[in-house]
Amino acid sequence: MKKKHLIASALSLGLLGGAIAVPSAIFADSDAATNFASTSTYATHDEVKTPGNHDVGLFRTKDLFNVNLDGKSPLTEFSIVPGYGHVKIRVVNNSKSTLTFTLKHVDSGDYLFTKYVGAGEPFNWYSKDGFRNGMRSGKYEIQWRAGGAYVDASAWGISANSPDEL
């Protein structure tokens, strides 16, 4: 009789140990999953928050244009939406003559600037160099010229809500 109780007790302890050990083994990675979840980020509105309450602003940019320029005097049109007035324009002049480009705010009719890019040269323009608070929203156009020769260049523009994002 004692043998039966001993076997039953050992069996009970074994089952109890198994009932504790198996779920522990199954959920052993639950701490890792919890730690992973606590270090991930989540987005709300226009910012990213981390569990340590560190806010990191999202970069907000918009492509304005990306063009291959050819011809006598091509024209590039684009619009700047409110809140995205910080602009970068990148130009690569592939022609053998100096490239001239003039930026105009179409809505007001104001000519904002004229820039020159040497033959075979790249050029970057940032709005912070002339418009510290950013450019006004609205329609714009760029007139491209190469001193009477055909324009052979590529250009792209991007706008952002902060000059640091360019």
N, C-alpha and C. Protein backbone atom coordinates (compact mmCIF):
# COMPACT_ATOMS: atom_id res chain seq x y z
N MET A 1 0.82 -1.18 0.00
CA MET A 1 0.00 0.00 0.00
C MET A 1 0.86 1.25 0.00
N LYS A 2 1.93 1.23 0.79
CA LYS A 2 2.81 2.38 0.84
C LYS A 2 3.45 2.61 -0.52
N LYS A 3 3.68 1.51 -1.24
CA LYS A 3 4.29 1.62 -2.55
C LYS A 3 3.38 2.40 -3.51
N LYS A 4 2.08 2.11 -3.42
CA LYS A 4 1.12 2.80 -4.28
C LYS A 4 1.09 4.29 -3.96
N HIS A 5 1.13 4.66 -2.67
CA HIS A 5 1.13 6.07 -2.26
C HIS A 5 2.41 6.76 -2.71
N LEU A 6 3.50 6.04 -2.61
CA LEU A 6 4.78 6.60 -3.03
C LEU A 6 4.80 6.87 -4.53
N ILE A 7 4.30 5.91 -5.29
CA ILE A 7 4.25 6.08 -6.74
C ILE A 7 3.26 7.19 -7.10
N ALA A 8 2.13 7.23 -6.42
CA ALA A 8 1.13 8.27 -6.69
C ALA A 8 1.68 9.65 -6.33
N SER A 9 2.40 9.73 -5.20
CA SER A 9 2.99 11.01 -4.80
C SER A 9 4.05 11.45 -5.79
N ALA A 10 4.90 10.51 -6.20
CA ALA A 10 5.95 10.83 -7.18
C ALA A 10 5.32 11.26 -8.50
N LEU A 11 4.29 10.56 -8.90
CA LEU A 11 3.59 10.90 -10.14
C LEU A 11 2.96 12.29 -10.03
N SER A 12 2.35 12.58 -8.90
CA SER A 12 1.73 13.90 -8.69
C SER A 12 2.77 15.00 -8.74
N LEU A 13 3.90 14.77 -8.06
CA LEU A 13 4.98 15.76 -8.08
C LEU A 13 5.53 15.94 -9.50
N GLY A 14 5.65 14.85 -10.22
CA GLY A 14 6.12 14.92 -11.60
C GLY A 14 5.17 15.71 -12.47
N LEU A 15 3.88 15.46 -12.31
CA LEU A 15 2.88 16.21 -13.08
C LEU A 15 2.87 17.68 -12.70
N LEU A 16 3.00 17.94 -11.38
CA LEU A 16 3.04 19.32 -10.92
C LEU A 16 4.28 20.03 -11.46
N GLY A 17 5.40 19.34 -11.40
CA GLY A 17 6.64 19.92 -11.95
C GLY A 17 6.52 20.16 -13.43
N GLY A 18 5.91 19.21 -14.12
CA GLY A 18 5.70 19.37 -15.56
C GLY A 18 4.76 20.51 -15.88
N ALA A 19 3.75 20.66 -15.03
CA ALA A 19 2.78 21.75 -15.24
C ALA A 19 3.44 23.10 -15.04
N ILE A 20 4.44 23.15 -14.20
CA ILE A 20 5.18 24.42 -13.99
C ILE A 20 6.26 24.57 -15.04
N ALA A 21 6.99 23.50 -15.34
CA ALA A 21 8.13 23.57 -16.24
C ALA A 21 7.72 23.81 -17.69
N VAL A 22 6.69 23.14 -18.15
CA VAL A 22 6.29 23.26 -19.55
C VAL A 22 5.85 24.67 -19.91
N PRO A 23 4.93 25.29 -19.14
CA PRO A 23 4.58 26.67 -19.49
C PRO A 23 5.76 27.62 -19.38
N SER A 24 6.64 27.37 -18.41
CA SER A 24 7.82 28.22 -18.28
C SER A 24 8.69 28.10 -19.52
N ALA A 25 8.84 26.89 -20.02
CA ALA A 25 9.63 26.68 -21.22
C ALA A 25 8.94 27.29 -22.43
N ILE A 26 7.63 27.14 -22.50
CA ILE A 26 6.89 27.68 -23.64
C ILE A 26 6.96 29.20 -23.64
N PHE A 27 6.81 29.80 -22.49
CA PHE A 27 6.77 31.26 -22.41
C PHE A 27 8.10 31.86 -21.98
N ALA A 28 9.17 31.11 -22.13
CA ALA A 28 10.48 31.60 -21.72
C ALA A 28 10.87 32.85 -22.50
N ASP A 29 10.43 32.95 -23.74
CA ASP A 29 10.77 34.12 -24.55
C ASP A 29 9.81 35.28 -24.32
N SER A 30 8.84 35.11 -23.44
CA SER A 30 7.88 36.19 -23.23
C SER A 30 8.55 37.42 -22.68
N ASP A 31 9.61 37.25 -21.86
CA ASP A 31 10.36 38.41 -21.37
C ASP A 31 11.05 39.10 -22.52
N ALA A 32 11.61 38.32 -23.45
CA ALA A 32 12.27 38.91 -24.61
C ALA A 32 11.26 39.66 -25.44
N ALA A 33 10.07 39.08 -25.60
CA ALA A 33 9.03 39.76 -26.37
C ALA A 33 8.61 41.05 -25.68
N THR A 34 8.50 41.00 -24.36
CA THR A 34 8.14 42.20 -23.62
C THR A 34 9.21 43.25 -23.74
N ASN A 35 10.48 42.84 -23.62
CA ASN A 35 11.58 43.81 -23.76
C ASN A 35 11.62 44.40 -25.15
N PHE A 36 11.39 43.54 -26.16
CA PHE A 36 11.38 44.04 -27.54
C PHE A 36 10.26 45.05 -27.72
N ALA A 37 9.07 44.72 -27.21
CA ALA A 37 7.94 45.63 -27.36
C ALA A 37 8.19 46.94 -26.63
N SER A 38 8.90 46.89 -25.52
CA SER A 38 9.11 48.12 -24.76
C SER A 38 10.16 49.01 -25.41
N THR A 39 10.98 48.47 -26.33
CA THR A 39 11.97 49.31 -26.99
C THR A 39 11.55 49.72 -28.39
N SER A 40 10.43 49.21 -28.85
CA SER A 40 9.97 49.61 -30.17
C SER A 40 9.36 51.01 -30.10
N THR A 41 9.16 51.61 -31.26
CA THR A 41 8.59 52.94 -31.32
C THR A 41 7.20 52.88 -31.92
N TYR A 42 6.42 53.88 -31.65
CA TYR A 42 5.11 53.95 -32.24
C TYR A 42 4.85 55.40 -32.63
N ALA A 43 4.05 55.59 -33.65
CA ALA A 43 3.82 56.93 -34.17
C ALA A 43 2.47 57.46 -33.74
N THR A 44 2.44 58.72 -33.40
CA THR A 44 1.19 59.40 -33.13
C THR A 44 1.28 60.77 -33.77
N HIS A 45 0.38 61.07 -34.59
CA HIS A 45 0.33 62.34 -35.31
C HIS A 45 1.64 62.57 -36.05
N ASP A 46 2.38 63.63 -35.77
CA ASP A 46 3.60 63.95 -36.49
C ASP A 46 4.85 63.74 -35.65
N GLU A 47 4.82 62.79 -34.74
CA GLU A 47 5.99 62.55 -33.93
C GLU A 47 6.12 61.08 -33.63
N VAL A 48 7.31 60.68 -33.25
CA VAL A 48 7.56 59.30 -32.83
C VAL A 48 7.90 59.36 -31.36
N LYS A 49 7.31 58.46 -30.59
CA LYS A 49 7.59 58.40 -29.16
C LYS A 49 8.23 57.07 -28.84
N THR A 50 9.16 57.10 -27.93
CA THR A 50 9.76 55.89 -27.42
C THR A 50 9.32 55.74 -25.97
N PRO A 51 9.39 54.55 -25.42
CA PRO A 51 8.90 54.35 -24.06
C PRO A 51 9.57 55.25 -23.03
N GLY A 52 10.79 55.69 -23.27
CA GLY A 52 11.46 56.57 -22.32
C GLY A 52 10.97 58.00 -22.43
N ASN A 53 9.84 58.22 -23.12
CA ASN A 53 9.27 59.55 -23.34
C ASN A 53 10.19 60.48 -24.11
N HIS A 54 10.99 59.92 -24.99
CA HIS A 54 11.84 60.74 -25.84
C HIS A 54 11.10 60.96 -27.14
N ASP A 55 10.81 62.20 -27.44
CA ASP A 55 10.11 62.53 -28.69
C ASP A 55 11.12 62.81 -29.78
N VAL A 56 10.91 62.20 -30.91
CA VAL A 56 11.76 62.41 -32.06
C VAL A 56 10.85 62.84 -33.20
N GLY A 57 10.98 64.07 -33.72
CA GLY A 57 10.11 64.54 -34.79
C GLY A 57 10.34 63.76 -36.07
N LEU A 58 9.27 63.45 -36.77
CA LEU A 58 9.40 62.79 -38.06
C LEU A 58 9.84 63.80 -39.09
N PHE A 59 10.68 63.34 -40.01
CA PHE A 59 11.06 64.21 -41.11
C PHE A 59 9.90 64.26 -42.08
N ARG A 60 9.48 65.46 -42.41
CA ARG A 60 8.37 65.62 -43.35
C ARG A 60 8.91 66.35 -44.56
N THR A 61 8.98 65.66 -45.68
CA THR A 61 9.45 66.26 -46.92
C THR A 61 8.48 65.92 -48.04
N LYS A 62 8.56 66.71 -49.09
CA LYS A 62 7.75 66.47 -50.29
C LYS A 62 8.63 66.71 -51.51
N ASP A 63 8.52 65.80 -52.49
CA ASP A 63 9.23 65.99 -53.74
C ASP A 63 8.53 67.09 -54.53
N LEU A 64 9.31 68.02 -55.05
CA LEU A 64 8.75 69.10 -55.87
C LEU A 64 8.82 68.77 -57.35
N PHE A 65 9.99 68.32 -57.78
CA PHE A 65 10.17 67.96 -59.19
C PHE A 65 11.43 67.11 -59.32
N ASN A 66 11.52 66.39 -60.43
CA ASN A 66 12.69 65.61 -60.79
C ASN A 66 12.67 65.53 -62.30
N VAL A 67 13.52 66.32 -62.97
CA VAL A 67 13.42 66.47 -64.41
C VAL A 67 14.77 66.35 -65.10
N ASN A 68 14.71 65.84 -66.33
CA ASN A 68 15.85 65.92 -67.24
C ASN A 68 15.55 67.07 -68.18
N LEU A 69 16.45 68.02 -68.23
CA LEU A 69 16.22 69.25 -69.00
C LEU A 69 16.93 69.18 -70.34
N ASP A 70 16.19 69.48 -71.41
CA ASP A 70 16.80 69.61 -72.73
C ASP A 70 15.98 70.58 -73.55
N GLY A 71 16.60 71.17 -74.51
CA GLY A 71 15.93 72.16 -75.35
C GLY A 71 16.53 73.54 -75.16
N LYS A 72 15.94 74.53 -75.83
CA LYS A 72 16.47 75.91 -75.79
C LYS A 72 16.23 76.59 -74.45
N SER A 73 15.03 76.54 -73.96
CA SER A 73 14.74 77.17 -72.66
C SER A 73 13.57 76.45 -71.97
N PRO A 74 13.87 75.27 -71.43
CA PRO A 74 12.81 74.52 -70.75
C PRO A 74 12.30 75.24 -69.51
N LEU A 75 11.09 74.88 -69.12
CA LEU A 75 10.43 75.48 -67.97
C LEU A 75 10.01 74.36 -67.02
N THR A 76 10.27 74.54 -65.74
CA THR A 76 9.85 73.57 -64.72
C THR A 76 8.86 74.25 -63.80
N GLU A 77 7.70 73.62 -63.62
CA GLU A 77 6.67 74.17 -62.74
C GLU A 77 6.48 73.26 -61.55
N PHE A 78 6.25 73.86 -60.39
CA PHE A 78 5.99 73.10 -59.17
C PHE A 78 5.24 73.97 -58.18
N SER A 79 4.74 73.36 -57.12
CA SER A 79 4.02 74.08 -56.07
C SER A 79 4.59 73.74 -54.71
N ILE A 80 4.59 74.73 -53.84
CA ILE A 80 4.97 74.53 -52.45
C ILE A 80 3.70 74.64 -51.62
N VAL A 81 3.43 73.62 -50.83
CA VAL A 81 2.24 73.62 -49.99
C VAL A 81 2.57 74.27 -48.64
N PRO A 82 1.56 74.82 -47.98
CA PRO A 82 1.81 75.46 -46.68
C PRO A 82 2.48 74.49 -45.70
N GLY A 83 3.46 75.02 -44.98
CA GLY A 83 4.19 74.22 -44.01
C GLY A 83 5.42 73.54 -44.55
N TYR A 84 5.64 73.62 -45.85
CA TYR A 84 6.79 72.97 -46.48
C TYR A 84 7.63 73.99 -47.26
N GLY A 85 7.91 75.12 -46.66
CA GLY A 85 8.57 76.22 -47.35
C GLY A 85 10.08 76.17 -47.40
N HIS A 86 10.69 75.17 -46.78
CA HIS A 86 12.15 75.05 -46.84
C HIS A 86 12.49 74.14 -48.01
N VAL A 87 13.33 74.65 -48.92
CA VAL A 87 13.51 74.01 -50.22
C VAL A 87 14.99 73.76 -50.50
N LYS A 88 15.24 72.65 -51.18
CA LYS A 88 16.57 72.36 -51.73
C LYS A 88 16.39 72.08 -53.21
N ILE A 89 17.23 72.70 -54.03
CA ILE A 89 17.24 72.44 -55.47
C ILE A 89 18.63 71.95 -55.83
N ARG A 90 18.68 70.82 -56.50
CA ARG A 90 19.94 70.22 -56.95
C ARG A 90 19.94 70.23 -58.47
N VAL A 91 21.02 70.76 -59.06
CA VAL A 91 21.16 70.86 -60.51
C VAL A 91 22.49 70.26 -60.92
N VAL A 92 22.49 69.48 -62.01
CA VAL A 92 23.72 68.98 -62.60
C VAL A 92 23.71 69.45 -64.05
N ASN A 93 24.66 70.32 -64.37
CA ASN A 93 24.76 70.89 -65.73
C ASN A 93 25.65 69.97 -66.56
N ASN A 94 25.07 69.29 -67.55
CA ASN A 94 25.82 68.39 -68.42
C ASN A 94 26.27 69.08 -69.71
N SER A 95 25.87 70.33 -69.89
CA SER A 95 26.20 71.03 -71.14
C SER A 95 27.61 71.64 -71.07
N LYS A 96 28.05 72.17 -72.21
CA LYS A 96 29.37 72.77 -72.31
C LYS A 96 29.34 74.28 -72.11
N SER A 97 28.20 74.79 -71.71
CA SER A 97 28.09 76.22 -71.43
C SER A 97 27.43 76.42 -70.07
N THR A 98 27.57 77.63 -69.56
CA THR A 98 27.00 77.95 -68.26
C THR A 98 25.48 77.89 -68.32
N LEU A 99 24.91 77.27 -67.31
CA LEU A 99 23.46 77.16 -67.20
C LEU A 99 22.96 78.27 -66.28
N THR A 100 21.91 78.96 -66.71
CA THR A 100 21.29 80.01 -65.91
C THR A 100 19.88 79.58 -65.58
N PHE A 101 19.50 79.72 -64.32
CA PHE A 101 18.10 79.44 -64.00
C PHE A 101 17.54 80.54 -63.11
N THR A 102 16.28 80.87 -63.40
CA THR A 102 15.58 81.94 -62.70
C THR A 102 14.32 81.37 -62.06
N LEU A 103 14.16 81.65 -60.76
CA LEU A 103 13.00 81.17 -60.02
C LEU A 103 11.98 82.29 -59.88
N LYS A 104 10.75 81.97 -60.22
CA LYS A 104 9.65 82.95 -60.16
C LYS A 104 8.50 82.39 -59.32
N HIS A 105 7.95 83.24 -58.43
CA HIS A 105 6.73 82.90 -57.70
C HIS A 105 5.58 83.33 -58.60
N VAL A 106 4.91 82.37 -59.22
CA VAL A 106 3.89 82.64 -60.23
C VAL A 106 2.71 83.43 -59.65
N ASP A 107 2.26 83.06 -58.46
CA ASP A 107 1.08 83.69 -57.87
C ASP A 107 1.25 85.20 -57.69
N SER A 108 2.45 85.63 -57.35
CA SER A 108 2.69 87.06 -57.13
C SER A 108 3.37 87.73 -58.32
N GLY A 109 3.99 86.92 -59.19
CA GLY A 109 4.74 87.47 -60.31
C GLY A 109 6.15 87.90 -59.93
N ASP A 110 6.56 87.65 -58.68
CA ASP A 110 7.90 88.05 -58.22
C ASP A 110 8.97 87.09 -58.73
N TYR A 111 10.06 87.68 -59.28
CA TYR A 111 11.25 86.91 -59.60
C TYR A 111 12.11 86.88 -58.35
N LEU A 112 12.42 85.70 -57.86
CA LEU A 112 13.10 85.58 -56.59
C LEU A 112 14.62 85.58 -56.70
N PHE A 113 15.15 84.93 -57.72
CA PHE A 113 16.60 84.94 -57.92
C PHE A 113 16.97 84.36 -59.27
N THR A 114 18.21 84.60 -59.67
CA THR A 114 18.83 83.97 -60.83
C THR A 114 20.15 83.38 -60.36
N LYS A 115 20.40 82.14 -60.72
CA LYS A 115 21.63 81.43 -60.34
C LYS A 115 22.32 80.91 -61.59
N TYR A 116 23.62 80.68 -61.45
CA TYR A 116 24.44 80.20 -62.56
C TYR A 116 25.16 78.92 -62.15
N VAL A 117 25.20 77.97 -63.10
CA VAL A 117 25.88 76.70 -62.85
C VAL A 117 26.88 76.51 -63.99
N GLY A 118 28.14 76.37 -63.63
CA GLY A 118 29.19 76.21 -64.64
C GLY A 118 29.04 74.95 -65.46
N ALA A 119 29.64 74.95 -66.64
CA ALA A 119 29.58 73.80 -67.54
C ALA A 119 30.12 72.56 -66.84
N GLY A 120 29.36 71.48 -66.92
CA GLY A 120 29.77 70.22 -66.32
C GLY A 120 29.78 70.20 -64.80
N GLU A 121 29.18 71.17 -64.16
CA GLU A 121 29.22 71.30 -62.70
C GLU A 121 27.90 70.93 -62.03
N PRO A 122 27.96 70.43 -60.79
CA PRO A 122 26.75 70.27 -59.97
C PRO A 122 26.54 71.54 -59.14
N PHE A 123 25.32 71.74 -58.66
CA PHE A 123 25.01 72.93 -57.86
C PHE A 123 23.86 72.59 -56.92
N ASN A 124 23.99 73.02 -55.67
CA ASN A 124 22.92 72.87 -54.68
C ASN A 124 22.51 74.25 -54.19
N TRP A 125 21.21 74.49 -54.13
CA TRP A 125 20.70 75.73 -53.56
C TRP A 125 19.73 75.38 -52.44
N TYR A 126 19.89 76.07 -51.30
CA TYR A 126 19.03 75.88 -50.14
C TYR A 126 18.29 77.18 -49.86
N SER A 127 17.01 77.08 -49.60
CA SER A 127 16.20 78.28 -49.35
C SER A 127 16.67 79.04 -48.11
N LYS A 128 17.30 78.36 -47.16
CA LYS A 128 17.77 79.05 -45.95
C LYS A 128 18.82 80.11 -46.28
N ASP A 129 19.45 80.02 -47.46
CA ASP A 129 20.45 81.00 -47.86
C ASP A 129 19.83 82.35 -48.22
N GLY A 130 18.57 82.38 -48.53
CA GLY A 130 17.93 83.65 -48.89
C GLY A 130 16.58 83.86 -48.23
N PHE A 131 16.03 82.77 -47.70
CA PHE A 131 14.69 82.82 -47.10
C PHE A 131 14.75 82.07 -45.77
N ARG A 132 15.26 82.74 -44.76
CA ARG A 132 15.50 82.10 -43.46
C ARG A 132 14.27 81.43 -42.87
N ASN A 133 13.11 82.01 -43.08
CA ASN A 133 11.87 81.46 -42.54
C ASN A 133 11.15 80.56 -43.53
N GLY A 134 11.79 80.26 -44.63
CA GLY A 134 11.17 79.43 -45.65
C GLY A 134 10.50 80.26 -46.72
N MET A 135 10.12 79.61 -47.77
CA MET A 135 9.48 80.27 -48.90
C MET A 135 7.97 80.20 -48.75
N ARG A 136 7.29 81.15 -49.34
CA ARG A 136 5.82 81.15 -49.25
C ARG A 136 5.24 80.05 -50.13
N SER A 137 4.07 79.63 -49.75
CA SER A 137 3.40 78.58 -50.52
C SER A 137 2.91 79.17 -51.84
N GLY A 138 2.59 78.29 -52.75
CA GLY A 138 2.05 78.72 -54.04
C GLY A 138 2.76 78.06 -55.21
N LYS A 139 2.43 78.58 -56.39
CA LYS A 139 2.98 78.03 -57.63
C LYS A 139 4.28 78.74 -57.98
N TYR A 140 5.23 77.95 -58.48
CA TYR A 140 6.55 78.45 -58.87
C TYR A 140 6.90 77.91 -60.25
N GLU A 141 7.82 78.61 -60.89
CA GLU A 141 8.39 78.09 -62.13
C GLU A 141 9.86 78.47 -62.21
N ILE A 142 10.62 77.59 -62.84
CA ILE A 142 12.04 77.84 -63.08
C ILE A 142 12.25 77.86 -64.58
N GLN A 143 12.86 78.94 -65.06
CA GLN A 143 13.24 79.05 -66.47
C GLN A 143 14.71 78.70 -66.57
N TRP A 144 15.05 77.77 -67.47
CA TRP A 144 16.42 77.29 -67.64
C TRP A 144 16.97 77.79 -68.98
N ARG A 145 18.18 78.31 -68.98
CA ARG A 145 18.82 78.79 -70.22
C ARG A 145 20.30 78.43 -70.21
N ALA A 146 20.86 78.27 -71.41
CA ALA A 146 22.28 77.95 -71.54
C ALA A 146 22.94 78.88 -72.55
N GLY A 147 22.67 80.17 -72.44
CA GLY A 147 23.32 81.15 -73.31
C GLY A 147 23.07 80.94 -74.78
N GLY A 148 21.87 80.56 -75.15
CA GLY A 148 21.52 80.33 -76.56
C GLY A 148 21.75 78.90 -77.01
N ALA A 149 22.52 78.13 -76.25
CA ALA A 149 22.75 76.73 -76.59
C ALA A 149 21.63 75.88 -75.99
N TYR A 150 21.60 74.63 -76.39
CA TYR A 150 20.61 73.72 -75.82
C TYR A 150 20.99 73.38 -74.37
N VAL A 151 19.97 73.35 -73.55
CA VAL A 151 20.16 72.98 -72.15
C VAL A 151 20.28 71.46 -72.08
N ASP A 152 21.28 71.00 -71.38
CA ASP A 152 21.45 69.58 -71.11
C ASP A 152 21.78 69.46 -69.62
N ALA A 153 20.78 69.19 -68.82
CA ALA A 153 20.97 69.15 -67.37
C ALA A 153 19.89 68.28 -66.73
N SER A 154 20.09 67.99 -65.47
CA SER A 154 19.07 67.33 -64.67
C SER A 154 18.90 68.14 -63.40
N ALA A 155 17.69 68.12 -62.86
CA ALA A 155 17.41 68.90 -61.66
C ALA A 155 16.32 68.23 -60.85
N TRP A 156 16.40 68.40 -59.56
CA TRP A 156 15.32 67.95 -58.69
C TRP A 156 15.18 68.92 -57.53
N GLY A 157 13.98 68.94 -56.99
CA GLY A 157 13.72 69.81 -55.85
C GLY A 157 12.91 69.07 -54.81
N ILE A 158 13.15 69.43 -53.55
CA ILE A 158 12.45 68.83 -52.43
C ILE A 158 12.10 69.94 -51.46
N SER A 159 10.97 69.82 -50.78
CA SER A 159 10.59 70.80 -49.77
C SER A 159 10.38 70.09 -48.44
N ALA A 160 10.54 70.84 -47.36
CA ALA A 160 10.43 70.26 -46.02
C ALA A 160 9.86 71.28 -45.07
N ASN A 161 9.47 70.82 -43.89
CA ASN A 161 8.92 71.76 -42.90
C ASN A 161 10.01 72.33 -42.01
N SER A 162 11.27 71.90 -42.22
CA SER A 162 12.40 72.44 -41.47
C SER A 162 13.63 72.41 -42.35
N PRO A 163 14.52 73.39 -42.26
CA PRO A 163 15.73 73.36 -43.08
C PRO A 163 16.66 72.21 -42.70
N ASP A 164 16.54 71.70 -41.50
CA ASP A 164 17.37 70.58 -41.06
C ASP A 164 17.01 69.28 -41.76
N GLU A 165 15.86 69.23 -42.38
CA GLU A 165 15.39 68.02 -43.04
C GLU A 165 15.83 67.91 -44.50
N LEU A 166 16.51 68.91 -44.98
CA LEU A 166 16.91 68.91 -46.38
C LEU A 166 18.20 68.19 -46.57
